[in-house]
Amino acid sequence: MHNIDFLLRGILKRENIRFIFAETTSTVRTGILIHDTDPVAGKVFSEALTAGVLISPLLENKEKYSIRWEYPGAISSILVDINALCDIRGIIKNPQIIDKINNPDDILGEKDGFISIIKSEEGKILNSGKTKAALGDPAADVAFFFSVSDQIETEISVEVSFNSDPVDPVKISAGFMLQAMPGCDYSALDEYRKNINSQAFRQALLKEQPTEKKLWELLSVATGKAVNSLNKDNLMYEFGVSPGFRCNCSFEKMRTAMSVLDKQELEKLFQEKESPTITCQFCKTSYCFKKTDFC
């Protein structure tokens, strides 16, 4: 039931292509259960969270990405935060949409949405950008953002399958990213990016098998070469930190947020309720305050 999530990053040296492979089953399971999503919203939320995990190796030290998807369909919007330690958290505006859709186009909407990504460090914005979310897929829209806004050719493939058990809703969730590096062989990248969007590759993402065996199969499908003909000297890879749905909220942070209220507003708040509560939108943890907390 409780798969161990992992992230693996590597380089195809001859082609100068970066690849990142992650399984995020437990991570997206936690997000789905926290936000009580239905299966339709849960699939979209899983794709967004997994895409966030896949770009985490692009961060260093205390940097983080804040990714916001805005769609005209029933989902409306998703917000995901991810840091260099692969701590991810997210919010989905409409977690229950199954009764609001008549066909698949209603989920995200038939018109273009938008995706914005902010890179920051300790509250300071390092860079930001916004592009159309033209591909109708949260993971593909992240890849499109990097290809257009950052001008780094990127491709992302994410798959998730579900169980019928509401306590254990996710069978497996996995994703794979390819990204150009300086000196990239773009003809190879074009071929590989088509291959990772094939049905064969998506089926391989959903296989439950040992990590490195699965990696070799994915690379085989991506490059179009048999596993036993892959040049291992052309590969360099290592495991990164394990991803997890982990929120950085705290009592002190929530108290600081309430402290922006002036004295009269705080007084009124405690007159209305002796112990007001604030709930974190990301992880649904509630914090209860007393008047003495602000003395």
Protein backbone atom coordinates (compact mmCIF):
# COMPACT_ATOMS: atom_id res chain seq x y z
CA MET A 1 0.00 0.00 0.00
CA HIS A 2 2.63 2.55 1.00
CA ASN A 3 5.07 2.72 -1.86
CA ILE A 4 8.38 4.45 -1.25
CA ASP A 5 8.56 7.45 -3.55
CA PHE A 6 11.83 8.29 -5.23
CA LEU A 7 13.44 10.72 -7.66
CA LEU A 8 16.29 9.77 -9.96
CA ARG A 9 18.18 12.23 -12.15
CA GLY A 10 20.70 11.58 -14.87
CA ILE A 11 22.30 12.61 -18.15
CA LEU A 12 22.58 11.03 -21.57
CA LYS A 13 26.14 12.23 -22.05
CA ARG A 14 26.56 11.83 -25.79
CA GLU A 15 23.29 13.65 -26.54
CA ASN A 16 23.64 16.18 -23.68
CA ILE A 17 20.10 15.51 -22.52
CA ARG A 18 19.04 15.60 -18.87
CA PHE A 19 16.46 13.08 -17.68
CA ILE A 20 14.53 12.91 -14.42
CA PHE A 21 12.43 9.93 -13.37
CA ALA A 22 10.20 9.86 -10.31
CA GLU A 23 7.56 7.72 -8.68
CA THR A 24 5.17 9.83 -6.64
CA THR A 25 2.51 7.35 -5.53
CA SER A 26 2.57 8.16 -1.82
CA THR A 27 3.00 11.87 -2.47
CA VAL A 28 -0.09 12.20 -4.65
CA ARG A 29 -2.05 9.79 -2.44
CA THR A 30 -1.48 12.15 0.48
CA GLY A 31 -2.53 15.18 -1.57
CA ILE A 32 -5.68 13.47 -2.82
CA LEU A 33 -6.71 12.36 0.68
CA ILE A 34 -6.00 15.77 2.25
CA HIS A 35 -8.08 17.61 -0.35
CA ASP A 36 -10.70 14.88 -0.72
CA THR A 37 -10.64 14.95 -4.52
CA ASP A 38 -12.89 12.86 -6.69
CA PRO A 39 -11.17 10.58 -9.26
CA VAL A 40 -11.39 13.13 -12.09
CA ALA A 41 -9.96 16.05 -10.10
CA GLY A 42 -7.54 13.64 -8.42
CA LYS A 43 -6.00 12.66 -11.75
CA VAL A 44 -5.35 16.29 -12.69
CA PHE A 45 -4.02 17.08 -9.21
CA SER A 46 -1.71 14.04 -9.38
CA GLU A 47 -0.30 15.20 -12.71
CA ALA A 48 0.36 18.68 -11.33
CA LEU A 49 2.09 17.38 -8.19
CA THR A 50 4.23 14.93 -10.17
CA ALA A 51 5.27 17.65 -12.62
CA GLY A 52 6.34 19.74 -9.63
CA VAL A 53 8.46 16.88 -8.30
CA LEU A 54 10.15 16.43 -11.68
CA ILE A 55 11.39 20.03 -11.83
CA SER A 56 12.66 20.10 -8.23
CA PRO A 57 16.24 19.09 -9.22
CA LEU A 58 16.47 22.41 -11.08
CA LEU A 59 16.44 24.16 -7.70
CA GLU A 60 19.35 24.78 -5.34
CA ASN A 61 19.68 25.48 -1.61
CA LYS A 62 16.60 27.38 -0.36
CA GLU A 63 15.07 28.08 -3.75
CA LYS A 64 11.49 27.07 -4.50
CA TYR A 65 9.03 27.09 -7.37
CA SER A 66 5.43 28.21 -7.05
CA ILE A 67 3.44 26.88 -9.99
CA ARG A 68 -0.08 28.06 -10.73
CA TRP A 69 -2.31 26.57 -13.39
CA GLU A 70 -5.45 28.49 -14.36
CA TYR A 71 -7.96 26.75 -16.61
CA PRO A 72 -11.39 27.88 -17.86
CA GLY A 73 -12.90 24.46 -17.13
CA ALA A 74 -14.32 22.86 -13.99
CA ILE A 75 -10.89 22.45 -12.33
CA SER A 76 -10.39 26.23 -12.38
CA SER A 77 -6.96 26.45 -10.70
CA ILE A 78 -4.19 24.50 -9.00
CA LEU A 79 -1.28 25.86 -6.97
CA VAL A 80 1.83 23.80 -6.19
CA ASP A 81 4.93 24.74 -4.17
CA ILE A 82 8.11 22.66 -4.46
CA ASN A 83 11.58 23.20 -2.98
CA ALA A 84 15.06 21.75 -3.56
CA LEU A 85 14.44 19.12 -0.84
CA CYS A 86 11.47 17.81 -2.83
CA ASP A 87 8.98 18.97 -0.20
CA ILE A 88 5.82 19.56 -2.19
CA ARG A 89 2.40 20.86 -1.27
CA GLY A 90 -0.58 21.89 -3.33
CA ILE A 91 -4.09 23.31 -3.45
CA ILE A 92 -6.80 22.42 -5.95
CA LYS A 93 -9.63 24.94 -6.10
CA ASN A 94 -12.37 22.51 -7.11
CA PRO A 95 -11.64 19.02 -5.76
CA GLN A 96 -15.12 17.70 -6.58
CA ILE A 97 -16.05 18.17 -10.25
CA ILE A 98 -17.40 14.84 -11.45
CA ASP A 99 -21.02 16.09 -11.34
CA LYS A 100 -20.09 19.27 -13.23
CA ILE A 101 -18.70 17.69 -16.39
CA ASN A 102 -20.43 16.14 -19.38
CA ASN A 103 -17.35 15.33 -21.47
CA PRO A 104 -13.53 15.40 -21.03
CA ASP A 105 -13.26 18.92 -22.49
CA ASP A 106 -15.22 20.26 -19.51
CA ILE A 107 -12.45 19.30 -17.06
CA LEU A 108 -9.87 21.90 -18.09
CA GLY A 109 -11.96 23.80 -20.65
CA GLU A 110 -11.73 24.01 -24.40
CA LYS A 111 -10.01 27.41 -24.42
CA ASP A 112 -6.38 28.05 -23.42
CA GLY A 113 -5.63 28.53 -19.76
CA PHE A 114 -2.45 29.97 -18.27
CA ILE A 115 0.48 28.68 -16.28
CA SER A 116 2.75 30.88 -14.20
CA ILE A 117 5.92 29.85 -12.38
CA ILE A 118 7.71 31.94 -9.77
CA LYS A 119 11.18 31.01 -8.61
CA SER A 120 12.00 32.51 -5.21
CA GLU A 121 14.36 32.21 -2.28
CA GLU A 122 13.36 33.14 1.26
CA GLY A 123 10.62 35.47 0.04
CA LYS A 124 12.71 37.12 -2.67
CA ILE A 125 11.54 36.58 -6.26
CA LEU A 126 14.43 35.42 -8.46
CA ASN A 127 12.45 35.23 -11.68
CA SER A 128 8.91 34.64 -12.87
CA GLY A 129 7.00 34.03 -16.08
CA LYS A 130 3.59 33.25 -17.47
CA THR A 131 2.59 31.42 -20.65
CA LYS A 132 -0.51 29.89 -22.15
CA ALA A 133 -1.44 26.46 -20.86
CA ALA A 134 -2.18 25.41 -24.40
CA LEU A 135 -1.71 21.63 -24.17
CA GLY A 136 -4.57 20.76 -21.84
CA ASP A 137 -2.37 18.72 -19.51
CA PRO A 138 -0.74 20.10 -16.33
CA ALA A 139 2.55 18.23 -16.85
CA ALA A 140 2.78 19.04 -20.56
CA ASP A 141 1.98 22.67 -19.77
CA VAL A 142 4.96 22.83 -17.36
CA ALA A 143 7.19 21.48 -20.13
CA PHE A 144 5.74 24.05 -22.54
CA PHE A 145 6.48 26.80 -20.01
CA PHE A 146 10.18 25.89 -19.77
CA SER A 147 10.44 25.50 -23.55
CA VAL A 148 8.87 28.91 -24.24
CA SER A 149 9.52 31.10 -21.20
CA ASP A 150 12.98 29.81 -20.23
CA GLN A 151 13.85 28.65 -23.78
CA ILE A 152 14.99 25.25 -22.49
CA GLU A 153 13.48 22.49 -24.62
CA THR A 154 11.62 20.24 -22.19
CA GLU A 155 9.24 17.29 -22.39
CA ILE A 156 7.33 15.69 -19.51
CA SER A 157 5.25 12.52 -19.44
CA VAL A 158 3.16 11.62 -16.37
CA GLU A 159 0.85 8.69 -15.75
CA VAL A 160 -1.32 7.72 -12.78
CA SER A 161 -3.61 4.75 -12.16
CA PHE A 162 -6.14 4.37 -9.37
CA ASN A 163 -7.50 1.78 -6.97
CA SER A 164 -11.20 1.55 -6.07
CA ASP A 165 -10.30 1.84 -2.37
CA PRO A 166 -11.07 5.40 -1.08
CA VAL A 167 -8.49 4.94 1.70
CA ASP A 168 -5.80 3.90 -0.78
CA PRO A 169 -6.90 5.60 -4.01
CA VAL A 170 -3.63 5.61 -5.96
CA LYS A 171 -2.17 2.42 -7.41
CA ILE A 172 0.88 4.05 -9.00
CA SER A 173 1.92 7.52 -10.12
CA ALA A 174 5.10 8.18 -12.07
CA GLY A 175 6.67 10.77 -14.35
CA PHE A 176 9.64 11.28 -16.64
CA MET A 177 11.24 14.48 -17.92
CA LEU A 178 13.69 15.16 -20.73
CA GLN A 179 15.46 18.51 -20.98
CA ALA A 180 18.06 19.96 -23.30
CA MET A 181 21.48 20.86 -21.90
CA PRO A 182 24.16 23.03 -23.55
CA GLY A 183 25.42 21.27 -26.68
CA CYS A 184 22.25 19.16 -26.89
CA ASP A 185 21.71 16.92 -29.90
CA TYR A 186 18.30 18.35 -30.81
CA SER A 187 17.56 15.75 -33.47
CA ALA A 188 17.91 13.04 -30.81
CA LEU A 189 15.85 15.09 -28.35
CA ASP A 190 13.05 15.47 -30.89
CA GLU A 191 12.96 11.70 -31.39
CA TYR A 192 13.10 10.91 -27.67
CA ARG A 193 10.41 13.41 -26.73
CA LYS A 194 8.01 11.80 -29.21
CA ASN A 195 8.83 8.39 -27.79
CA ILE A 196 8.07 9.37 -24.17
CA ASN A 197 4.58 10.39 -25.27
CA SER A 198 3.94 6.99 -26.88
CA GLN A 199 1.51 4.46 -25.47
CA ALA A 200 4.38 2.02 -24.90
CA PHE A 201 6.22 4.53 -22.72
CA ARG A 202 3.11 5.43 -20.73
CA GLN A 203 2.42 1.76 -20.10
CA ALA A 204 6.02 1.30 -18.93
CA LEU A 205 5.59 4.20 -16.46
CA LEU A 206 2.75 2.31 -14.80
CA LYS A 207 4.63 -0.96 -14.36
CA GLU A 208 5.45 -2.02 -10.82
CA GLN A 209 9.01 -3.30 -10.93
CA PRO A 210 12.42 -2.60 -9.33
CA THR A 211 13.53 0.98 -9.84
CA GLU A 212 16.64 0.51 -11.96
CA LYS A 213 15.05 -2.22 -14.08
CA LYS A 214 12.19 0.15 -14.77
CA LEU A 215 14.63 2.97 -15.59
CA TRP A 216 16.37 0.85 -18.20
CA GLU A 217 13.06 -0.09 -19.79
CA LEU A 218 12.00 3.56 -19.91
CA LEU A 219 15.31 4.60 -21.46
CA SER A 220 14.99 1.77 -23.96
CA VAL A 221 11.56 2.97 -25.09
CA ALA A 222 12.65 6.63 -25.03
CA THR A 223 15.73 6.06 -27.18
CA GLY A 224 14.27 3.32 -29.36
CA LYS A 225 17.06 0.91 -28.46
CA ALA A 226 16.85 -2.53 -26.93
CA VAL A 227 17.81 -2.66 -23.25
CA ASN A 228 20.81 -4.89 -23.93
CA SER A 229 22.10 -2.49 -26.59
CA LEU A 230 22.00 0.64 -24.43
CA ASN A 231 25.48 2.06 -23.88
CA LYS A 232 25.85 2.24 -20.11
CA ASP A 233 28.96 4.39 -20.49
CA ASN A 234 26.72 7.03 -22.05
CA LEU A 235 24.66 7.26 -18.86
CA MET A 236 25.24 8.98 -15.57
CA TYR A 237 22.52 8.95 -12.94
CA GLU A 238 21.95 9.20 -9.20
CA PHE A 239 19.11 9.18 -6.71
CA GLY A 240 17.94 12.50 -5.35
CA VAL A 241 16.01 13.22 -2.17
CA SER A 242 12.70 11.39 -1.77
CA PRO A 243 9.65 13.47 -2.65
CA GLY A 244 6.81 13.87 -0.22
CA PHE A 245 3.69 15.97 0.36
CA ARG A 246 5.15 18.00 3.21
CA CYS A 247 3.88 21.41 4.32
CA ASN A 248 6.03 24.04 6.04
CA CYS A 249 3.18 25.70 7.90
CA SER A 250 3.53 26.17 11.68
CA PHE A 251 1.85 27.74 14.66
CA GLU A 252 4.34 30.61 14.61
CA LYS A 253 3.83 31.32 10.90
CA MET A 254 0.07 31.40 11.37
CA ARG A 255 0.42 33.60 14.43
CA THR A 256 2.58 36.00 12.41
CA ALA A 257 -0.07 36.06 9.68
CA MET A 258 -2.74 37.00 12.24
CA SER A 259 -0.47 39.66 13.69
CA VAL A 260 -1.04 41.85 10.62
CA LEU A 261 -4.44 42.66 12.15
CA ASP A 262 -4.45 45.83 14.22
CA LYS A 263 -5.30 45.82 17.92
CA GLN A 264 -8.99 46.64 17.39
CA GLU A 265 -9.43 43.92 14.77
CA LEU A 266 -7.81 41.34 17.06
CA GLU A 267 -10.02 42.48 19.94
CA LYS A 268 -13.13 42.07 17.81
CA LEU A 269 -11.97 38.64 16.63
CA PHE A 270 -11.57 37.34 20.19
CA GLN A 271 -14.90 38.86 21.22
CA GLU A 272 -16.61 36.86 18.49
CA LYS A 273 -14.78 33.64 19.34
CA GLU A 274 -12.70 32.86 22.40
CA SER A 275 -10.30 30.59 20.50
CA PRO A 276 -10.33 31.39 16.75
CA THR A 277 -8.86 28.80 14.43
CA ILE A 278 -6.91 29.16 11.18
CA THR A 279 -6.61 26.21 8.82
CA CYS A 280 -3.73 25.86 6.37
CA GLN A 281 -5.13 25.66 2.83
CA PHE A 282 -2.31 23.36 1.71
CA CYS A 283 -2.36 20.61 4.36
CA LYS A 284 -5.62 21.33 6.25
CA THR A 285 -3.81 21.53 9.60
CA SER A 286 -5.74 23.75 12.02
CA TYR A 287 -4.17 26.11 14.53
CA CYS A 288 -6.13 27.38 17.51
CA PHE A 289 -5.20 30.73 19.11
CA LYS A 290 -5.77 32.39 22.43
CA LYS A 291 -5.72 36.09 23.21
CA THR A 292 -2.54 35.62 25.23
CA ASP A 293 -0.74 34.50 22.05
CA PHE A 294 -0.74 38.15 20.95
CA CYS A 295 0.23 39.86 24.18
